[in-house]
Amino acid sequence: MTGFGCYRAAGPTSLGPTTAEAEERVRRFGPNSLSDESREGMLADFARQFKSPLVLVFGALQHYHREMDTRKEATRMSLARSPH
């Protein structure tokens, strides 16, 4: 069932899962809390995000996008200054 399908099934007046459903989710997925790893500190949590190569790819794409915007703006400014 899709996310929207779940919403439709639950109905707009639903206040969330029942106690039994919540207990089943805790049993199945664990408590909704930070793991012991987070006790190492915020800097360690931040650094841990870079273990994923996807984060590095997105960072490189963001840098490339900013660089291209800077170059486009510099080109526009130089064309605007040059006499036609």
C-alpha atoms as a PDB file:
ATOM      1  CA  MET A   1       0.000   0.000   0.000  1.00  0.00           C
ATOM      2  CA  THR A   2       1.361   3.439  -0.897  1.00  0.00           C
ATOM      3  CA  GLY A   3       1.716   6.255   1.584  1.00  0.00           C
ATOM      4  CA  PHE A   4      -1.409   7.958   0.284  1.00  0.00           C
ATOM      5  CA  GLY A   5      -3.269   4.642   0.394  1.00  0.00           C
ATOM      6  CA  CYS A   6      -2.328   4.276   4.066  1.00  0.00           C
ATOM      7  CA  TYR A   7      -3.687   7.750   4.750  1.00  0.00           C
ATOM      8  CA  ARG A   8      -6.940   6.914   3.007  1.00  0.00           C
ATOM      9  CA  ALA A   9      -7.250   3.622   4.892  1.00  0.00           C
ATOM     10  CA  ALA A  10      -6.611   5.293   8.234  1.00  0.00           C
ATOM     11  CA  GLY A  11      -8.970   8.141   7.495  1.00  0.00           C
ATOM     12  CA  PRO A  12      -8.476  11.813   8.296  1.00  0.00           C
ATOM     13  CA  THR A  13      -9.650  11.444  11.913  1.00  0.00           C
ATOM     14  CA  SER A  14      -7.069   8.814  12.853  1.00  0.00           C
ATOM     15  CA  LEU A  15      -4.854   9.863  15.753  1.00  0.00           C
ATOM     16  CA  GLY A  16      -2.076   7.408  14.957  1.00  0.00           C
ATOM     17  CA  PRO A  17      -1.473   3.730  15.537  1.00  0.00           C
ATOM     18  CA  THR A  18      -3.250   1.858  18.256  1.00  0.00           C
ATOM     19  CA  THR A  19      -1.326   0.830  21.347  1.00  0.00           C
ATOM     20  CA  ALA A  20      -1.043  -2.705  19.984  1.00  0.00           C
ATOM     21  CA  GLU A  21       0.287  -1.429  16.643  1.00  0.00           C
ATOM     22  CA  ALA A  22       2.785   0.843  18.389  1.00  0.00           C
ATOM     23  CA  GLU A  23       4.034  -2.010  20.586  1.00  0.00           C
ATOM     24  CA  GLU A  24       4.400  -4.217  17.499  1.00  0.00           C
ATOM     25  CA  ARG A  25       6.441  -1.519  15.756  1.00  0.00           C
ATOM     26  CA  VAL A  26       8.710  -1.083  18.776  1.00  0.00           C
ATOM     27  CA  ARG A  27       9.204  -4.860  18.911  1.00  0.00           C
ATOM     28  CA  ARG A  28       9.885  -5.041  15.166  1.00  0.00           C
ATOM     29  CA  PHE A  29      11.952  -1.880  14.571  1.00  0.00           C
ATOM     30  CA  GLY A  30      13.174  -0.885  18.011  1.00  0.00           C
ATOM     31  CA  PRO A  31      12.508   2.272  20.005  1.00  0.00           C
ATOM     32  CA  ASN A  32      12.390   5.660  18.326  1.00  0.00           C
ATOM     33  CA  SER A  33      15.529   6.982  19.982  1.00  0.00           C
ATOM     34  CA  LEU A  34      19.089   7.846  19.153  1.00  0.00           C
ATOM     35  CA  SER A  35      21.542   4.992  19.265  1.00  0.00           C
ATOM     36  CA  ASP A  36      24.516   4.781  21.607  1.00  0.00           C
ATOM     37  CA  GLU A  37      26.687   5.985  18.707  1.00  0.00           C
ATOM     38  CA  SER A  38      25.235   9.463  19.132  1.00  0.00           C
ATOM     39  CA  ARG A  39      26.798   9.716  22.587  1.00  0.00           C
ATOM     40  CA  GLU A  40      30.153  10.216  20.876  1.00  0.00           C
ATOM     41  CA  GLY A  41      29.167  13.789  20.151  1.00  0.00           C
ATOM     42  CA  MET A  42      27.707  15.915  17.435  1.00  0.00           C
ATOM     43  CA  LEU A  43      30.970  16.186  15.502  1.00  0.00           C
ATOM     44  CA  ALA A  44      31.269  12.396  15.327  1.00  0.00           C
ATOM     45  CA  ASP A  45      27.638  12.163  14.161  1.00  0.00           C
ATOM     46  CA  PHE A  46      28.343  14.764  11.472  1.00  0.00           C
ATOM     47  CA  ALA A  47      31.523  13.017  10.295  1.00  0.00           C
ATOM     48  CA  ARG A  48      29.699   9.672  10.171  1.00  0.00           C
ATOM     49  CA  GLN A  49      27.380  11.083   7.490  1.00  0.00           C
ATOM     50  CA  PHE A  50      30.300  11.155   5.051  1.00  0.00           C
ATOM     51  CA  LYS A  51      30.718   7.370   5.143  1.00  0.00           C
ATOM     52  CA  SER A  52      28.099   7.234   2.396  1.00  0.00           C
ATOM     53  CA  PRO A  53      29.508   7.898  -1.077  1.00  0.00           C
ATOM     54  CA  LEU A  54      26.162   9.424  -2.030  1.00  0.00           C
ATOM     55  CA  VAL A  55      26.766  12.325   0.357  1.00  0.00           C
ATOM     56  CA  LEU A  56      30.099  12.976  -1.333  1.00  0.00           C
ATOM     57  CA  VAL A  57      28.500  12.845  -4.789  1.00  0.00           C
ATOM     58  CA  PHE A  58      25.838  15.358  -3.755  1.00  0.00           C
ATOM     59  CA  GLY A  59      28.514  17.605  -2.242  1.00  0.00           C
ATOM     60  CA  ALA A  60      30.535  17.497  -5.465  1.00  0.00           C
ATOM     61  CA  LEU A  61      27.431  18.274  -7.530  1.00  0.00           C
ATOM     62  CA  GLN A  62      26.588  21.202  -5.299  1.00  0.00           C
ATOM     63  CA  HIS A  63      30.122  22.570  -5.634  1.00  0.00           C
ATOM     64  CA  TYR A  64      29.992  22.140  -9.428  1.00  0.00           C
ATOM     65  CA  HIS A  65      26.603  23.874  -9.608  1.00  0.00           C
ATOM     66  CA  ARG A  66      27.842  26.847  -7.555  1.00  0.00           C
ATOM     67  CA  GLU A  67      30.981  27.104  -9.677  1.00  0.00           C
ATOM     68  CA  MET A  68      28.957  27.132 -12.895  1.00  0.00           C
ATOM     69  CA  ASP A  69      26.622  29.809 -11.491  1.00  0.00           C
ATOM     70  CA  THR A  70      29.628  31.931 -10.556  1.00  0.00           C
ATOM     71  CA  ARG A  71      31.101  31.574 -14.045  1.00  0.00           C
ATOM     72  CA  LYS A  72      27.783  32.380 -15.732  1.00  0.00           C
ATOM     73  CA  GLU A  73      27.397  35.494 -13.598  1.00  0.00           C
ATOM     74  CA  ALA A  74      30.962  36.590 -14.352  1.00  0.00           C
ATOM     75  CA  THR A  75      30.304  36.124 -18.086  1.00  0.00           C
ATOM     76  CA  ARG A  76      27.063  38.120 -17.878  1.00  0.00           C
ATOM     77  CA  MET A  77      28.803  40.934 -16.038  1.00  0.00           C
ATOM     78  CA  SER A  78      31.674  41.098 -18.505  1.00  0.00           C
ATOM     79  CA  LEU A  79      29.262  41.102 -21.464  1.00  0.00           C
ATOM     80  CA  ALA A  80      27.193  43.838 -19.843  1.00  0.00           C
ATOM     81  CA  ARG A  81      30.290  46.025 -19.429  1.00  0.00           C
ATOM     82  CA  SER A  82      31.657  45.542 -22.923  1.00  0.00           C
ATOM     83  CA  PRO A  83      30.467  48.018 -25.570  1.00  0.00           C
ATOM     84  CA  HIS A  84      28.303  46.483 -28.295  1.00  0.00           C
END
